[in-house]
């Protein structure tokens, strides 16, 4: 990726999805632009994770579409993958690598991160209070610190779209505060965030639109 886009728009158009014979969600229409956050809320099992994956193009839709800057994300001409940072609920970290090695490994797949320095990674680990665990195997740290390890990418990536599945899960109050501060900073800088959550933190993040799924 030579240049990170500054003008962003994700358009979800009458999107419906099945898993097997089960309807997960149907006819969802929503528009998110620069400086806005879409907060997807609902009870466990209502389809939040499937919806999040659909926005990234990981999960296929039965009907409808998701467009990035007016181009369907399934098109060969779509630039959505070069502009989306996706952090799933399972964190995408390797339990057999250290905290530091995991961050290095994940950064290697992000084309917006170039010539990353060890000092930069250490600074970001320190932001989340996990620098002291940098040489610990991920299998040896708490679930909260695993979550923080996965979220370090938010500090390092230059991508403007963050798509996050339950980013506050397992975090302590200090971790929550740090993440919400990052959200506000990212939106103020023209970023775009789509996040699922069972916690309503919309009062703490600017320009947040709530989309409720299921019976929430």
N, C-alpha and C. Protein backbone atom coordinates (compact mmCIF):
# COMPACT_ATOMS: atom_id res chain seq x y z
N UNK A 1 0.86 -1.19 0.00
CA UNK A 1 0.00 0.00 0.00
C UNK A 1 0.88 1.23 0.00
N UNK A 2 0.75 2.07 -1.00
CA UNK A 2 1.60 3.24 -1.12
C UNK A 2 1.10 4.41 -0.31
N UNK A 3 -0.19 4.51 -0.15
CA UNK A 3 -0.76 5.67 0.52
C UNK A 3 -2.04 5.29 1.25
N UNK A 4 -2.16 5.73 2.46
CA UNK A 4 -3.38 5.46 3.23
C UNK A 4 -4.44 6.49 2.83
N UNK A 5 -5.64 6.01 2.51
CA UNK A 5 -6.70 6.91 2.10
C UNK A 5 -7.18 7.77 3.25
N UNK A 6 -7.55 9.00 2.95
CA UNK A 6 -8.05 9.92 3.96
C UNK A 6 -9.57 10.05 3.93
N UNK A 7 -10.17 9.91 2.75
CA UNK A 7 -11.62 9.99 2.63
C UNK A 7 -12.22 8.60 2.66
N UNK A 8 -13.03 8.35 3.68
CA UNK A 8 -13.52 7.00 3.91
C UNK A 8 -15.04 6.97 4.04
N UNK A 9 -15.62 5.89 3.54
CA UNK A 9 -17.05 5.68 3.69
C UNK A 9 -17.33 4.19 3.55
N UNK A 10 -18.02 3.63 4.53
CA UNK A 10 -18.48 2.26 4.44
C UNK A 10 -20.00 2.27 4.41
N UNK A 11 -20.53 1.67 3.36
CA UNK A 11 -21.97 1.64 3.15
C UNK A 11 -22.46 0.19 3.21
N UNK A 12 -23.34 -0.09 4.15
CA UNK A 12 -23.93 -1.42 4.28
C UNK A 12 -25.36 -1.33 3.73
N UNK A 13 -25.64 -2.15 2.73
CA UNK A 13 -26.87 -1.98 1.96
C UNK A 13 -27.72 -3.24 1.98
N UNK A 14 -28.81 -3.22 2.77
CA UNK A 14 -29.78 -4.32 2.84
C UNK A 14 -29.09 -5.67 2.99
N UNK A 15 -28.10 -5.71 3.89
CA UNK A 15 -27.28 -6.90 4.07
C UNK A 15 -28.02 -7.97 4.87
N UNK A 16 -28.01 -9.21 4.36
CA UNK A 16 -28.59 -10.35 5.05
C UNK A 16 -27.61 -11.51 5.01
N UNK A 17 -27.63 -12.32 6.07
CA UNK A 17 -26.67 -13.42 6.16
C UNK A 17 -27.31 -14.64 6.79
N UNK A 18 -27.03 -15.80 6.19
CA UNK A 18 -27.44 -17.09 6.75
C UNK A 18 -26.20 -17.87 7.15
N UNK A 19 -26.35 -18.70 8.18
CA UNK A 19 -25.37 -19.73 8.50
C UNK A 19 -26.12 -21.06 8.51
N UNK A 20 -25.80 -21.90 7.50
CA UNK A 20 -26.62 -23.09 7.31
C UNK A 20 -28.01 -22.65 6.90
N UNK A 21 -29.01 -23.11 7.65
CA UNK A 21 -30.39 -22.71 7.38
C UNK A 21 -30.87 -21.62 8.32
N UNK A 22 -29.97 -21.10 9.12
CA UNK A 22 -30.35 -20.12 10.13
C UNK A 22 -30.06 -18.69 9.66
N UNK A 23 -31.08 -17.85 9.73
CA UNK A 23 -30.91 -16.44 9.41
C UNK A 23 -30.22 -15.75 10.58
N UNK A 24 -29.05 -15.15 10.33
CA UNK A 24 -28.30 -14.48 11.39
C UNK A 24 -28.73 -13.02 11.50
N UNK A 25 -28.81 -12.34 10.37
CA UNK A 25 -29.33 -10.97 10.34
C UNK A 25 -29.88 -10.70 8.95
N UNK A 26 -30.75 -9.68 8.85
CA UNK A 26 -31.32 -9.39 7.54
C UNK A 26 -31.59 -7.90 7.37
N UNK A 27 -31.43 -7.47 6.12
CA UNK A 27 -31.78 -6.12 5.68
C UNK A 27 -31.15 -5.00 6.52
N UNK A 28 -29.88 -5.17 6.87
CA UNK A 28 -29.18 -4.12 7.61
C UNK A 28 -28.67 -3.08 6.63
N UNK A 29 -29.02 -1.83 6.88
CA UNK A 29 -28.53 -0.72 6.07
C UNK A 29 -27.95 0.33 7.00
N UNK A 30 -26.73 0.73 6.72
CA UNK A 30 -26.06 1.70 7.59
C UNK A 30 -24.94 2.37 6.80
N UNK A 31 -24.67 3.62 7.14
CA UNK A 31 -23.60 4.37 6.48
C UNK A 31 -22.68 4.96 7.55
N UNK A 32 -21.37 4.74 7.41
CA UNK A 32 -20.38 5.28 8.35
C UNK A 32 -19.32 6.02 7.55
N UNK A 33 -18.97 7.23 8.04
CA UNK A 33 -17.99 8.06 7.36
C UNK A 33 -16.86 8.45 8.31
N UNK A 34 -15.89 9.18 7.74
CA UNK A 34 -14.77 9.70 8.53
C UNK A 34 -15.25 10.31 9.83
N UNK A 35 -14.53 10.01 10.90
CA UNK A 35 -14.82 10.64 12.18
C UNK A 35 -16.00 10.07 12.91
N UNK A 36 -16.55 8.94 12.41
CA UNK A 36 -17.73 8.33 13.03
C UNK A 36 -17.42 6.92 13.53
N UNK A 37 -18.18 6.54 14.54
CA UNK A 37 -18.09 5.18 15.07
C UNK A 37 -19.45 4.51 15.03
N UNK A 38 -19.48 3.27 14.55
CA UNK A 38 -20.67 2.45 14.58
C UNK A 38 -20.49 1.43 15.71
N UNK A 39 -21.32 1.51 16.73
CA UNK A 39 -21.25 0.60 17.86
C UNK A 39 -22.37 -0.43 17.73
N UNK A 40 -21.98 -1.67 17.49
CA UNK A 40 -22.95 -2.76 17.29
C UNK A 40 -23.19 -3.43 18.62
N UNK A 41 -24.43 -3.37 19.09
CA UNK A 41 -24.77 -3.92 20.40
C UNK A 41 -25.83 -5.01 20.28
N UNK A 42 -25.82 -5.90 21.27
CA UNK A 42 -26.82 -6.96 21.30
C UNK A 42 -26.37 -8.08 22.20
N UNK A 43 -27.28 -8.96 22.57
CA UNK A 43 -26.96 -10.07 23.46
C UNK A 43 -26.06 -11.09 22.77
N UNK A 44 -25.43 -11.95 23.57
CA UNK A 44 -24.62 -13.03 23.01
C UNK A 44 -25.46 -13.90 22.08
N UNK A 45 -24.88 -14.24 20.94
CA UNK A 45 -25.58 -15.11 20.00
C UNK A 45 -26.48 -14.40 19.01
N UNK A 46 -26.50 -13.06 19.05
CA UNK A 46 -27.40 -12.32 18.15
C UNK A 46 -26.79 -12.09 16.77
N UNK A 47 -25.51 -12.41 16.59
CA UNK A 47 -24.89 -12.26 15.27
C UNK A 47 -23.90 -11.12 15.14
N UNK A 48 -23.48 -10.54 16.25
CA UNK A 48 -22.55 -9.39 16.19
C UNK A 48 -21.24 -9.77 15.50
N UNK A 49 -20.67 -10.91 15.89
CA UNK A 49 -19.39 -11.32 15.30
C UNK A 49 -19.53 -11.62 13.82
N UNK A 50 -20.62 -12.29 13.43
CA UNK A 50 -20.86 -12.57 12.01
C UNK A 50 -21.00 -11.29 11.22
N UNK A 51 -21.70 -10.32 11.79
CA UNK A 51 -21.87 -9.02 11.12
C UNK A 51 -20.52 -8.32 10.96
N UNK A 52 -19.72 -8.32 12.02
CA UNK A 52 -18.39 -7.72 11.95
C UNK A 52 -17.56 -8.37 10.84
N UNK A 53 -17.59 -9.68 10.78
CA UNK A 53 -16.81 -10.40 9.76
C UNK A 53 -17.33 -10.10 8.35
N UNK A 54 -18.64 -9.87 8.23
CA UNK A 54 -19.21 -9.53 6.93
C UNK A 54 -18.69 -8.18 6.44
N UNK A 55 -18.53 -7.25 7.36
CA UNK A 55 -18.04 -5.91 6.99
C UNK A 55 -16.60 -5.99 6.47
N UNK A 56 -15.84 -6.95 7.00
CA UNK A 56 -14.46 -7.13 6.55
C UNK A 56 -14.35 -7.98 5.29
N UNK A 57 -15.44 -8.67 4.94
CA UNK A 57 -15.40 -9.56 3.78
C UNK A 57 -15.02 -10.98 4.14
N UNK A 58 -14.90 -11.29 5.43
CA UNK A 58 -14.55 -12.64 5.87
C UNK A 58 -15.76 -13.56 5.76
N UNK A 59 -16.93 -13.03 6.09
CA UNK A 59 -18.19 -13.79 6.03
C UNK A 59 -18.99 -13.33 4.80
N UNK A 60 -19.43 -14.28 4.00
CA UNK A 60 -20.22 -13.97 2.82
C UNK A 60 -21.65 -13.60 3.19
N UNK A 61 -22.21 -12.65 2.47
CA UNK A 61 -23.60 -12.27 2.64
C UNK A 61 -24.49 -13.13 1.75
N UNK A 62 -25.71 -13.37 2.22
CA UNK A 62 -26.71 -14.05 1.39
C UNK A 62 -27.26 -13.07 0.36
N UNK A 63 -27.46 -11.83 0.78
CA UNK A 63 -27.95 -10.79 -0.13
C UNK A 63 -27.51 -9.43 0.41
N UNK A 64 -27.64 -8.41 -0.44
CA UNK A 64 -27.17 -7.09 -0.08
C UNK A 64 -25.67 -6.95 -0.32
N UNK A 65 -25.11 -5.85 0.17
CA UNK A 65 -23.69 -5.61 -0.09
C UNK A 65 -23.07 -4.73 0.99
N UNK A 66 -21.74 -4.78 1.03
CA UNK A 66 -20.95 -3.84 1.81
C UNK A 66 -20.02 -3.15 0.83
N UNK A 67 -20.06 -1.82 0.82
CA UNK A 67 -19.21 -1.06 -0.10
C UNK A 67 -18.23 -0.19 0.67
N UNK A 68 -17.01 -0.16 0.15
CA UNK A 68 -16.00 0.74 0.68
C UNK A 68 -15.73 1.80 -0.37
N UNK A 69 -16.01 3.05 -0.02
CA UNK A 69 -15.86 4.17 -0.98
C UNK A 69 -16.54 3.85 -2.30
N UNK A 70 -17.80 3.38 -2.19
CA UNK A 70 -18.69 3.12 -3.34
C UNK A 70 -18.28 1.92 -4.19
N UNK A 71 -17.32 1.12 -3.72
CA UNK A 71 -16.91 -0.09 -4.45
C UNK A 71 -17.21 -1.30 -3.58
N UNK A 72 -17.91 -2.29 -4.13
CA UNK A 72 -18.23 -3.50 -3.39
C UNK A 72 -16.93 -4.15 -2.88
N UNK A 73 -16.93 -4.58 -1.62
CA UNK A 73 -15.69 -5.13 -1.05
C UNK A 73 -15.30 -6.46 -1.70
N UNK A 74 -16.22 -7.09 -2.42
CA UNK A 74 -15.89 -8.33 -3.12
C UNK A 74 -15.29 -8.08 -4.50
N UNK A 75 -15.25 -6.82 -4.90
CA UNK A 75 -14.68 -6.47 -6.19
C UNK A 75 -13.15 -6.52 -6.14
N UNK A 76 -12.54 -6.92 -7.23
CA UNK A 76 -11.08 -6.94 -7.30
C UNK A 76 -10.49 -5.53 -7.22
N UNK A 77 -11.33 -4.54 -7.41
CA UNK A 77 -10.86 -3.15 -7.38
C UNK A 77 -11.01 -2.51 -6.00
N UNK A 78 -11.59 -3.23 -5.06
CA UNK A 78 -11.79 -2.67 -3.73
C UNK A 78 -10.47 -2.52 -2.98
N UNK A 79 -10.34 -1.40 -2.27
CA UNK A 79 -9.14 -1.14 -1.48
C UNK A 79 -9.40 -1.33 0.01
N UNK A 80 -10.49 -2.03 0.36
CA UNK A 80 -10.85 -2.10 1.77
C UNK A 80 -9.81 -2.86 2.60
N UNK A 81 -9.23 -3.92 2.06
CA UNK A 81 -8.28 -4.71 2.85
C UNK A 81 -7.02 -3.90 3.20
N UNK A 82 -6.65 -2.98 2.32
CA UNK A 82 -5.48 -2.15 2.59
C UNK A 82 -5.76 -1.05 3.60
N UNK A 83 -7.01 -0.86 3.95
CA UNK A 83 -7.37 0.25 4.83
C UNK A 83 -8.06 -0.18 6.11
N UNK A 84 -8.34 -1.48 6.27
CA UNK A 84 -9.03 -1.99 7.45
C UNK A 84 -8.06 -2.71 8.38
N UNK A 85 -8.09 -2.34 9.64
CA UNK A 85 -7.40 -3.08 10.69
C UNK A 85 -8.48 -3.85 11.46
N UNK A 86 -8.43 -5.17 11.38
CA UNK A 86 -9.42 -6.02 12.03
C UNK A 86 -8.80 -6.71 13.23
N UNK A 87 -9.44 -6.55 14.38
CA UNK A 87 -9.02 -7.27 15.59
C UNK A 87 -10.22 -8.08 16.06
N UNK A 88 -10.14 -9.39 15.89
CA UNK A 88 -11.25 -10.26 16.24
C UNK A 88 -11.34 -10.54 17.73
N UNK A 89 -12.43 -11.19 18.11
CA UNK A 89 -12.69 -11.48 19.52
C UNK A 89 -11.62 -12.42 20.10
N UNK A 90 -11.03 -13.28 19.25
CA UNK A 90 -10.02 -14.24 19.72
C UNK A 90 -8.59 -13.69 19.65
N UNK A 91 -8.47 -12.41 19.29
CA UNK A 91 -7.22 -11.65 19.41
C UNK A 91 -6.15 -11.94 18.35
N UNK A 92 -6.22 -13.07 17.65
CA UNK A 92 -5.24 -13.39 16.60
C UNK A 92 -3.81 -13.40 17.10
N UNK A 93 -3.60 -13.91 18.29
CA UNK A 93 -2.25 -14.00 18.82
C UNK A 93 -1.87 -15.46 19.05
N UNK A 94 -0.56 -15.72 19.02
CA UNK A 94 -0.02 -17.07 19.12
C UNK A 94 0.45 -17.33 20.55
N UNK A 95 -0.13 -18.30 21.19
CA UNK A 95 0.16 -18.57 22.60
C UNK A 95 1.60 -19.06 22.81
N UNK A 96 2.25 -19.52 21.73
CA UNK A 96 3.61 -20.06 21.85
C UNK A 96 4.69 -19.02 21.52
N UNK A 97 4.28 -17.78 21.26
CA UNK A 97 5.22 -16.68 21.08
C UNK A 97 5.15 -15.75 22.28
N UNK A 98 6.19 -14.96 22.47
CA UNK A 98 6.15 -13.97 23.55
C UNK A 98 5.25 -12.80 23.16
N UNK A 99 4.95 -11.97 24.13
CA UNK A 99 4.16 -10.77 23.87
C UNK A 99 4.84 -9.92 22.79
N UNK A 100 6.12 -9.67 22.95
CA UNK A 100 6.86 -8.85 21.99
C UNK A 100 6.86 -9.51 20.60
N UNK A 101 7.11 -10.81 20.54
CA UNK A 101 7.14 -11.51 19.26
C UNK A 101 5.79 -11.48 18.57
N UNK A 102 4.71 -11.56 19.33
CA UNK A 102 3.38 -11.48 18.74
C UNK A 102 3.15 -10.13 18.07
N UNK A 103 3.54 -9.05 18.74
CA UNK A 103 3.35 -7.72 18.15
C UNK A 103 4.19 -7.59 16.88
N UNK A 104 5.43 -8.04 16.93
CA UNK A 104 6.30 -8.01 15.74
C UNK A 104 5.66 -8.79 14.59
N UNK A 105 5.15 -9.96 14.90
CA UNK A 105 4.56 -10.84 13.89
C UNK A 105 3.33 -10.20 13.25
N UNK A 106 2.45 -9.64 14.07
CA UNK A 106 1.24 -9.02 13.54
C UNK A 106 1.56 -7.77 12.73
N UNK A 107 2.56 -7.02 13.15
CA UNK A 107 2.95 -5.82 12.41
C UNK A 107 3.49 -6.17 11.02
N UNK A 108 4.09 -7.35 10.90
CA UNK A 108 4.68 -7.75 9.63
C UNK A 108 3.60 -7.93 8.55
N UNK A 109 2.36 -8.15 8.96
CA UNK A 109 1.27 -8.34 8.00
C UNK A 109 0.54 -7.04 7.68
N UNK A 110 0.91 -5.96 8.33
CA UNK A 110 0.26 -4.67 8.13
C UNK A 110 1.14 -3.80 7.24
N UNK A 111 0.72 -3.62 5.99
CA UNK A 111 1.54 -2.90 5.03
C UNK A 111 1.65 -1.41 5.33
N UNK A 112 0.82 -0.92 6.26
CA UNK A 112 0.92 0.50 6.62
C UNK A 112 2.02 0.74 7.65
N UNK A 113 2.53 -0.34 8.24
CA UNK A 113 3.61 -0.24 9.23
C UNK A 113 4.93 -0.55 8.54
N UNK A 114 5.81 0.42 8.49
CA UNK A 114 7.08 0.24 7.80
C UNK A 114 8.24 0.55 8.74
N UNK A 115 9.25 -0.31 8.67
CA UNK A 115 10.49 -0.10 9.43
C UNK A 115 10.22 0.10 10.92
N UNK A 116 9.41 -0.79 11.48
CA UNK A 116 9.08 -0.68 12.89
C UNK A 116 10.32 -0.90 13.75
N UNK A 117 10.48 -0.06 14.74
CA UNK A 117 11.63 -0.14 15.63
C UNK A 117 11.24 -0.80 16.96
N UNK A 118 12.20 -1.48 17.57
CA UNK A 118 11.94 -2.13 18.85
C UNK A 118 11.47 -1.12 19.90
N UNK A 119 12.05 0.08 19.85
CA UNK A 119 11.68 1.10 20.82
C UNK A 119 10.22 1.53 20.68
N UNK A 120 9.70 1.53 19.44
CA UNK A 120 8.31 1.89 19.21
C UNK A 120 7.37 0.85 19.83
N UNK A 121 7.71 -0.42 19.63
CA UNK A 121 6.87 -1.48 20.20
C UNK A 121 6.89 -1.41 21.71
N UNK A 122 8.05 -1.18 22.28
CA UNK A 122 8.16 -1.09 23.75
C UNK A 122 7.32 0.07 24.28
N UNK A 123 7.34 1.19 23.58
CA UNK A 123 6.55 2.35 24.00
C UNK A 123 5.07 2.03 24.00
N UNK A 124 4.63 1.28 23.01
CA UNK A 124 3.21 0.93 22.91
C UNK A 124 2.81 -0.10 23.96
N UNK A 125 3.70 -1.05 24.23
CA UNK A 125 3.45 -2.01 25.31
C UNK A 125 3.35 -1.28 26.64
N UNK A 126 4.18 -0.28 26.82
CA UNK A 126 4.16 0.49 28.06
C UNK A 126 2.86 1.27 28.21
N UNK A 127 2.31 1.75 27.09
CA UNK A 127 1.04 2.48 27.14
C UNK A 127 -0.04 1.63 27.79
N UNK A 128 -0.04 0.34 27.46
CA UNK A 128 -1.04 -0.57 28.02
C UNK A 128 -0.59 -1.23 29.32
N UNK A 129 0.59 -0.86 29.80
CA UNK A 129 1.07 -1.39 31.07
C UNK A 129 1.54 -2.83 31.00
N UNK A 130 1.95 -3.29 29.82
CA UNK A 130 2.37 -4.69 29.68
C UNK A 130 3.82 -4.82 29.22
N UNK A 131 4.58 -3.75 29.31
CA UNK A 131 5.98 -3.83 28.91
C UNK A 131 6.74 -4.87 29.74
N UNK A 132 6.38 -4.97 31.01
CA UNK A 132 7.08 -5.92 31.89
C UNK A 132 6.83 -7.38 31.49
N UNK A 133 5.83 -7.60 30.64
CA UNK A 133 5.53 -8.96 30.18
C UNK A 133 6.06 -9.25 28.77
N UNK A 134 6.89 -8.36 28.24
CA UNK A 134 7.29 -8.45 26.83
C UNK A 134 7.96 -9.77 26.46
N UNK A 135 8.66 -10.38 27.42
CA UNK A 135 9.34 -11.65 27.15
C UNK A 135 8.58 -12.87 27.68
N UNK A 136 7.34 -12.64 28.12
CA UNK A 136 6.50 -13.75 28.59
C UNK A 136 5.82 -14.41 27.39
N UNK A 137 5.71 -15.74 27.43
CA UNK A 137 4.87 -16.42 26.46
C UNK A 137 3.42 -15.98 26.68
N UNK A 138 2.69 -15.80 25.60
CA UNK A 138 1.30 -15.38 25.72
C UNK A 138 0.49 -16.39 26.53
N UNK A 139 0.86 -17.64 26.46
CA UNK A 139 0.15 -18.67 27.21
C UNK A 139 0.27 -18.48 28.73
N UNK A 140 1.21 -17.65 29.15
CA UNK A 140 1.48 -17.46 30.58
C UNK A 140 0.89 -16.17 31.15
N UNK A 141 0.21 -15.39 30.32
CA UNK A 141 -0.34 -14.12 30.81
C UNK A 141 -1.86 -14.19 30.89
N UNK A 142 -2.46 -13.23 31.58
CA UNK A 142 -3.90 -13.22 31.79
C UNK A 142 -4.66 -12.90 30.50
N UNK A 143 -5.97 -13.18 30.52
CA UNK A 143 -6.81 -12.88 29.35
C UNK A 143 -6.82 -11.37 29.07
N UNK A 144 -6.83 -10.57 30.12
CA UNK A 144 -6.80 -9.12 29.93
C UNK A 144 -5.53 -8.66 29.24
N UNK A 145 -4.40 -9.24 29.60
CA UNK A 145 -3.13 -8.86 28.98
C UNK A 145 -3.00 -9.42 27.57
N UNK A 146 -3.66 -10.55 27.30
CA UNK A 146 -3.72 -11.04 25.92
C UNK A 146 -4.49 -10.04 25.05
N UNK A 147 -5.60 -9.53 25.60
CA UNK A 147 -6.38 -8.54 24.86
C UNK A 147 -5.55 -7.29 24.60
N UNK A 148 -4.83 -6.82 25.61
CA UNK A 148 -3.99 -5.64 25.44
C UNK A 148 -2.91 -5.88 24.39
N UNK A 149 -2.34 -7.08 24.37
CA UNK A 149 -1.33 -7.42 23.37
C UNK A 149 -1.89 -7.28 21.96
N UNK A 150 -3.10 -7.78 21.76
CA UNK A 150 -3.71 -7.69 20.43
C UNK A 150 -4.05 -6.26 20.04
N UNK A 151 -4.39 -5.43 21.04
CA UNK A 151 -4.80 -4.05 20.77
C UNK A 151 -3.62 -3.09 20.59
N UNK A 152 -2.42 -3.56 20.89
CA UNK A 152 -1.23 -2.71 20.66
C UNK A 152 -1.16 -2.26 19.20
N UNK A 153 -1.70 -3.08 18.30
CA UNK A 153 -1.69 -2.72 16.87
C UNK A 153 -2.39 -1.39 16.58
N UNK A 154 -3.35 -1.03 17.41
CA UNK A 154 -4.05 0.23 17.19
C UNK A 154 -3.09 1.42 17.30
N UNK A 155 -2.06 1.28 18.08
CA UNK A 155 -1.09 2.35 18.26
C UNK A 155 -0.05 2.38 17.14
N UNK A 156 0.13 1.27 16.45
CA UNK A 156 1.21 1.15 15.47
C UNK A 156 0.74 1.27 14.02
N UNK A 157 -0.48 0.82 13.75
CA UNK A 157 -0.99 0.82 12.38
C UNK A 157 -1.35 2.24 11.93
N UNK A 158 -1.17 2.48 10.65
CA UNK A 158 -1.57 3.75 10.05
C UNK A 158 -2.93 3.64 9.36
N UNK A 159 -3.55 2.47 9.43
CA UNK A 159 -4.83 2.27 8.78
C UNK A 159 -5.91 3.10 9.47
N UNK A 160 -6.82 3.65 8.67
CA UNK A 160 -7.81 4.59 9.20
C UNK A 160 -9.12 3.93 9.64
N UNK A 161 -9.35 2.67 9.22
CA UNK A 161 -10.58 1.98 9.59
C UNK A 161 -10.24 0.89 10.60
N UNK A 162 -10.85 0.98 11.77
CA UNK A 162 -10.69 -0.07 12.78
C UNK A 162 -12.00 -0.85 12.88
N UNK A 163 -11.92 -2.16 12.70
CA UNK A 163 -13.07 -3.03 12.86
C UNK A 163 -12.74 -3.99 14.00
N UNK A 164 -13.47 -3.87 15.10
CA UNK A 164 -13.09 -4.52 16.35
C UNK A 164 -14.26 -5.32 16.92
N UNK A 165 -13.98 -6.55 17.33
CA UNK A 165 -15.00 -7.40 17.91
C UNK A 165 -14.77 -7.49 19.42
N UNK A 166 -15.66 -6.87 20.19
CA UNK A 166 -15.60 -6.84 21.65
C UNK A 166 -14.23 -6.40 22.18
N UNK A 167 -13.78 -5.21 21.82
CA UNK A 167 -12.43 -4.76 22.23
C UNK A 167 -12.27 -4.54 23.72
N UNK A 168 -13.36 -4.37 24.46
CA UNK A 168 -13.25 -4.10 25.90
C UNK A 168 -13.32 -5.38 26.74
N UNK A 169 -13.54 -6.52 26.12
CA UNK A 169 -13.67 -7.75 26.90
C UNK A 169 -12.37 -8.07 27.62
N UNK A 170 -12.48 -8.45 28.88
CA UNK A 170 -11.37 -8.85 29.76
C UNK A 170 -10.50 -7.68 30.22
N UNK A 171 -10.78 -6.46 29.79
CA UNK A 171 -9.97 -5.32 30.20
C UNK A 171 -10.39 -4.80 31.57
N UNK A 172 -9.43 -4.32 32.33
CA UNK A 172 -9.73 -3.66 33.59
C UNK A 172 -10.15 -2.22 33.31
N UNK A 173 -10.52 -1.48 34.34
CA UNK A 173 -11.02 -0.11 34.14
C UNK A 173 -9.97 0.79 33.52
N UNK A 174 -8.71 0.60 33.89
CA UNK A 174 -7.65 1.42 33.29
C UNK A 174 -7.49 1.09 31.81
N UNK A 175 -7.56 -0.20 31.47
CA UNK A 175 -7.48 -0.59 30.07
C UNK A 175 -8.63 -0.03 29.26
N UNK A 176 -9.84 -0.07 29.83
CA UNK A 176 -11.00 0.51 29.15
C UNK A 176 -10.78 1.98 28.86
N UNK A 177 -10.29 2.71 29.86
CA UNK A 177 -10.07 4.15 29.69
C UNK A 177 -9.06 4.42 28.58
N UNK A 178 -7.99 3.64 28.54
CA UNK A 178 -6.96 3.84 27.52
C UNK A 178 -7.50 3.57 26.12
N UNK A 179 -8.31 2.52 25.99
CA UNK A 179 -8.89 2.20 24.68
C UNK A 179 -9.87 3.29 24.23
N UNK A 180 -10.73 3.72 25.13
CA UNK A 180 -11.70 4.76 24.77
C UNK A 180 -11.00 6.07 24.41
N UNK A 181 -9.90 6.37 25.09
CA UNK A 181 -9.10 7.55 24.72
C UNK A 181 -8.54 7.40 23.31
N UNK A 182 -8.08 6.19 22.98
CA UNK A 182 -7.57 5.93 21.62
C UNK A 182 -8.68 6.09 20.59
N UNK A 183 -9.88 5.61 20.92
CA UNK A 183 -11.01 5.76 20.00
C UNK A 183 -11.26 7.24 19.70
N UNK A 184 -11.32 8.05 20.73
CA UNK A 184 -11.59 9.48 20.54
C UNK A 184 -10.49 10.15 19.72
N UNK A 185 -9.27 9.78 19.99
CA UNK A 185 -8.15 10.35 19.23
C UNK A 185 -8.22 9.94 17.77
N UNK A 186 -8.51 8.67 17.52
CA UNK A 186 -8.59 8.16 16.15
C UNK A 186 -9.71 8.86 15.38
N UNK A 187 -10.87 9.00 15.99
CA UNK A 187 -11.99 9.67 15.33
C UNK A 187 -11.70 11.15 15.09
N UNK A 188 -11.05 11.80 16.05
CA UNK A 188 -10.70 13.21 15.89
C UNK A 188 -9.72 13.43 14.75
N UNK A 189 -8.92 12.38 14.46
CA UNK A 189 -7.95 12.46 13.37
C UNK A 189 -8.53 11.97 12.04
N UNK A 190 -9.85 11.80 11.99
CA UNK A 190 -10.49 11.42 10.72
C UNK A 190 -10.62 9.94 10.49
N UNK A 191 -10.37 9.15 11.54
CA UNK A 191 -10.53 7.71 11.39
C UNK A 191 -11.99 7.29 11.43
N UNK A 192 -12.21 6.01 11.25
CA UNK A 192 -13.56 5.42 11.25
C UNK A 192 -13.47 4.13 12.06
N UNK A 193 -14.44 3.91 12.95
CA UNK A 193 -14.42 2.72 13.80
C UNK A 193 -15.76 2.00 13.73
N UNK A 194 -15.68 0.68 13.59
CA UNK A 194 -16.85 -0.19 13.71
C UNK A 194 -16.51 -1.20 14.79
N UNK A 195 -17.32 -1.24 15.83
CA UNK A 195 -17.01 -2.10 16.97
C UNK A 195 -18.27 -2.77 17.50
N UNK A 196 -18.15 -4.05 17.83
CA UNK A 196 -19.21 -4.72 18.56
C UNK A 196 -18.92 -4.61 20.05
N UNK A 197 -19.97 -4.67 20.85
CA UNK A 197 -19.78 -4.63 22.30
C UNK A 197 -21.08 -4.99 22.99
N UNK A 198 -20.97 -5.61 24.15
CA UNK A 198 -22.15 -5.80 24.99
C UNK A 198 -22.23 -4.70 26.04
N UNK A 199 -21.24 -3.78 26.00
CA UNK A 199 -21.19 -2.63 26.90
C UNK A 199 -21.47 -1.36 26.09
N UNK A 200 -22.39 -0.55 26.56
CA UNK A 200 -22.69 0.72 25.89
C UNK A 200 -21.72 1.80 26.39
N UNK A 201 -20.72 2.08 25.57
CA UNK A 201 -19.75 3.12 25.93
C UNK A 201 -19.91 4.35 25.05
N UNK A 202 -21.08 4.48 24.43
CA UNK A 202 -21.30 5.57 23.47
C UNK A 202 -21.19 6.95 24.10
N UNK A 203 -21.49 7.07 25.38
CA UNK A 203 -21.39 8.38 26.04
C UNK A 203 -19.94 8.83 26.21
N UNK A 204 -19.01 7.89 26.04
CA UNK A 204 -17.59 8.20 26.26
C UNK A 204 -16.79 8.34 24.98
N UNK A 205 -17.45 8.16 23.83
CA UNK A 205 -16.77 8.24 22.54
C UNK A 205 -17.55 9.17 21.62
N UNK A 206 -16.87 10.10 21.00
CA UNK A 206 -17.51 11.10 20.15
C UNK A 206 -18.12 10.45 18.90
N UNK A 207 -19.15 11.08 18.39
CA UNK A 207 -19.74 10.73 17.09
C UNK A 207 -20.06 9.24 16.95
N UNK A 208 -20.65 8.66 18.00
CA UNK A 208 -20.97 7.24 17.98
C UNK A 208 -22.44 7.01 17.61
N UNK A 209 -22.66 6.14 16.64
CA UNK A 209 -24.00 5.71 16.28
C UNK A 209 -24.17 4.27 16.72
N UNK A 210 -25.25 3.98 17.46
CA UNK A 210 -25.50 2.63 17.94
C UNK A 210 -26.40 1.87 16.97
N UNK A 211 -25.99 0.65 16.62
CA UNK A 211 -26.86 -0.25 15.87
C UNK A 211 -27.15 -1.45 16.75
N UNK A 212 -28.42 -1.68 17.07
CA UNK A 212 -28.79 -2.75 17.99
C UNK A 212 -29.27 -3.97 17.21
N UNK A 213 -28.73 -5.12 17.61
CA UNK A 213 -29.10 -6.39 16.99
C UNK A 213 -29.85 -7.25 18.01
N UNK A 214 -30.63 -8.18 17.53
CA UNK A 214 -31.37 -9.07 18.41
C UNK A 214 -32.41 -8.31 19.21
N UNK A 215 -32.52 -8.65 20.47
CA UNK A 215 -33.54 -8.06 21.33
C UNK A 215 -32.97 -7.05 22.30
N UNK A 216 -31.76 -6.50 21.98
CA UNK A 216 -31.13 -5.55 22.90
C UNK A 216 -31.83 -4.21 22.87
